[in-house]
Amino acid sequence: MKSEQVLVKKVNLTKKQKELIERIGIFMEQQGLPPAVARICGLLMVSDRLELTFEEIYSTLNISKSAASNAINLLLNSHKIEYITKPGDRKRYFKVCIDQWEKMLKERLQGFSSYISLVEEIHNQRTKSTKTFNASLKDAVGFIKFMSKEFPLLYEKWQKSKK
């Protein structure tokens, strides 16, 4: 009885593309993402094809199906990638949500207001004897408040510069 071998097609990448995926991966790991998540983001951004199947992703990156599945689910849940289907094809094709960067940035900035409230509450509950720590907390709140006010102005200025 012969075992059927499934041929999984890898994505053709140049040496420079492979190096870039690795650099993206390292950068994203330093930002707190797991290695498989970081490499999948890199592959989807660098690949000449904009949509890749699950099989193409795990085989190209030489990662396990489990690692790829977990990473893809994390990326889908965080809206960093999405998938499409094609008529007559049961496969899902994954792609980076690069067109969503403005929305994600605005959501991240809105999250800062919740963070500011928490840090202010922490600051108010702190003992007065930790002056250096308290001053750092106060500076962090001040900077985040400043950034929250300035970012919309920078964004507007950038939008005008594109015209």
Protein backbone atom coordinates (compact mmCIF):
# COMPACT_ATOMS: atom_id res chain seq x y z
CA MET A 1 0.00 0.00 0.00
CA LYS A 2 1.49 3.30 -1.12
CA SER A 3 1.20 6.34 1.08
CA GLU A 4 -0.04 9.36 -0.77
CA GLN A 5 2.37 12.25 -0.57
CA VAL A 6 0.87 15.71 -0.72
CA LEU A 7 3.00 18.19 -2.60
CA VAL A 8 2.89 21.58 -0.95
CA LYS A 9 4.06 24.44 -3.06
CA LYS A 10 6.46 26.89 -1.45
CA VAL A 11 6.44 30.56 -2.37
CA ASN A 12 9.40 31.50 -4.53
CA LEU A 13 11.41 34.16 -2.73
CA THR A 14 14.69 35.81 -3.61
CA LYS A 15 17.57 35.79 -1.15
CA LYS A 16 16.92 39.47 -0.42
CA GLN A 17 13.22 38.77 0.25
CA LYS A 18 14.13 35.96 2.66
CA GLU A 19 16.57 38.25 4.48
CA LEU A 20 13.94 40.99 4.67
CA ILE A 21 11.36 38.57 6.10
CA GLU A 22 13.90 37.60 8.76
CA ARG A 23 14.66 41.26 9.59
CA ILE A 24 10.93 42.03 9.83
CA GLY A 25 10.53 38.96 12.03
CA ILE A 26 13.29 40.04 14.41
CA PHE A 27 11.90 43.57 14.60
CA MET A 28 8.38 42.33 15.36
CA GLU A 29 9.69 39.86 17.96
CA GLN A 30 11.37 42.80 19.69
CA GLN A 31 7.92 44.42 19.75
CA GLY A 32 6.58 41.41 21.66
CA LEU A 33 5.18 39.17 18.93
CA PRO A 34 5.93 35.43 18.85
CA PRO A 35 8.41 34.31 16.16
CA ALA A 36 5.88 32.50 13.92
CA VAL A 37 3.52 35.49 14.01
CA ALA A 38 6.35 37.84 13.13
CA ARG A 39 7.58 35.69 10.23
CA ILE A 40 4.09 35.24 8.80
CA CYS A 41 3.60 39.01 8.81
CA GLY A 42 6.94 39.39 7.10
CA LEU A 43 6.12 36.78 4.46
CA LEU A 44 2.72 38.30 3.69
CA MET A 45 4.25 41.77 3.36
CA VAL A 46 7.24 40.74 1.24
CA SER A 47 5.79 38.06 -1.03
CA ASP A 48 5.13 39.12 -4.62
CA ARG A 49 1.75 37.41 -4.28
CA LEU A 50 -0.62 39.32 -2.04
CA GLU A 51 -2.62 36.28 -0.85
CA LEU A 52 -1.13 33.00 0.35
CA THR A 53 -2.71 29.74 1.46
CA PHE A 54 -2.12 28.12 4.83
CA GLU A 55 -0.01 25.43 3.17
CA GLU A 56 2.13 27.97 1.34
CA ILE A 57 2.73 29.87 4.55
CA TYR A 58 3.85 26.99 6.75
CA SER A 59 5.88 25.27 4.02
CA THR A 60 7.66 28.44 2.91
CA LEU A 61 8.57 29.41 6.46
CA ASN A 62 9.42 25.83 7.49
CA ILE A 63 7.20 26.00 10.56
CA SER A 64 4.82 23.39 11.89
CA LYS A 65 1.16 23.40 10.96
CA SER A 66 0.32 23.98 14.62
CA ALA A 67 2.62 27.00 14.91
CA ALA A 68 1.24 28.41 11.66
CA SER A 69 -2.37 27.83 12.73
CA ASN A 70 -1.88 29.46 16.13
CA ALA A 71 -0.04 32.42 14.59
CA ILE A 72 -2.64 32.92 11.87
CA ASN A 73 -5.45 32.83 14.44
CA LEU A 74 -3.67 35.44 16.55
CA LEU A 75 -3.15 37.64 13.47
CA LEU A 76 -6.79 37.23 12.41
CA ASN A 77 -8.07 38.07 15.91
CA SER A 78 -5.88 41.17 16.10
CA HIS A 79 -7.02 42.25 12.60
CA LYS A 80 -3.46 42.33 11.26
CA ILE A 81 -4.41 39.88 8.52
CA GLU A 82 -7.63 38.76 6.90
CA TYR A 83 -8.59 36.01 4.50
CA ILE A 84 -10.51 35.75 1.30
CA THR A 85 -11.96 32.78 -0.52
CA LYS A 86 -12.16 32.25 -4.24
CA PRO A 87 -15.13 30.80 -6.13
CA GLY A 88 -14.77 27.05 -6.58
CA ASP A 89 -11.80 26.86 -4.19
CA ARG A 90 -12.22 25.70 -0.59
CA LYS A 91 -8.93 27.20 0.54
CA ARG A 92 -8.56 30.41 2.48
CA TYR A 93 -6.08 32.95 1.17
CA PHE A 94 -4.47 35.15 3.82
CA LYS A 95 -3.33 38.71 3.28
CA VAL A 96 -2.05 41.63 5.33
CA CYS A 97 -4.58 44.31 6.28
CA ILE A 98 -2.28 47.11 5.19
CA ASP A 99 -5.23 49.27 4.16
CA GLN A 100 -6.44 49.26 7.78
CA TRP A 101 -3.37 51.02 9.24
CA GLU A 102 -5.17 54.33 9.83
CA LYS A 103 -8.04 52.65 11.67
CA MET A 104 -5.66 50.56 13.79
CA LEU A 105 -3.56 53.61 14.65
CA LYS A 106 -6.63 55.57 15.72
CA GLU A 107 -7.80 52.64 17.86
CA ARG A 108 -4.39 52.41 19.47
CA LEU A 109 -4.49 56.13 20.30
CA GLN A 110 -7.95 55.75 21.80
CA GLY A 111 -6.55 52.98 23.97
CA PHE A 112 -4.06 55.49 25.34
CA SER A 113 -6.85 57.40 27.07
CA SER A 114 -7.74 54.28 29.07
CA TYR A 115 -4.08 53.79 29.85
CA ILE A 116 -3.76 57.42 30.98
CA SER A 117 -6.66 56.96 33.40
CA LEU A 118 -5.05 53.83 34.87
CA VAL A 119 -1.64 55.43 35.26
CA GLU A 120 -3.19 58.54 36.83
CA GLU A 121 -5.05 56.33 39.31
CA ILE A 122 -1.81 54.46 40.07
CA HIS A 123 -0.05 57.79 40.58
CA ASN A 124 -2.77 58.97 42.97
CA GLN A 125 -2.52 55.76 45.03
CA ARG A 126 1.28 55.80 45.26
CA THR A 127 3.04 56.54 48.49
CA LYS A 128 4.75 59.94 48.54
CA SER A 129 8.03 58.30 49.59
CA THR A 130 8.79 57.03 46.03
CA LYS A 131 9.38 60.45 44.49
CA THR A 132 11.47 59.33 41.49
CA PHE A 133 9.01 56.60 40.53
CA ASN A 134 6.06 58.97 40.98
CA ALA A 135 7.74 61.62 38.85
CA SER A 136 8.28 59.07 36.06
CA LEU A 137 4.61 58.09 36.17
CA LYS A 138 3.60 61.73 35.98
CA ASP A 139 5.94 62.29 33.02
CA ALA A 140 4.53 59.24 31.21
CA VAL A 141 0.98 60.55 31.63
CA GLY A 142 2.02 64.00 30.51
CA PHE A 143 3.72 62.72 27.38
CA ILE A 144 0.83 60.44 26.41
CA LYS A 145 -1.64 63.30 26.88
CA PHE A 146 0.61 65.54 24.77
CA MET A 147 0.89 62.89 22.05
CA SER A 148 -2.88 62.32 22.07
CA LYS A 149 -3.45 66.02 21.39
CA GLU A 150 -0.68 66.41 18.82
CA PHE A 151 -1.27 63.28 16.76
CA PRO A 152 -4.54 64.44 15.16
CA LEU A 153 -2.79 67.66 14.13
CA LEU A 154 0.13 65.73 12.63
CA TYR A 155 -2.24 63.42 10.81
CA GLU A 156 -4.15 66.37 9.37
CA LYS A 157 -0.88 68.00 8.29
CA TRP A 158 0.21 64.77 6.61
CA GLN A 159 -3.14 64.46 4.80
CA LYS A 160 -2.77 68.02 3.45
CA SER A 161 0.81 67.30 2.32
CA LYS A 162 -0.44 64.44 0.09
CA LYS A 163 -2.63 66.76 -2.00
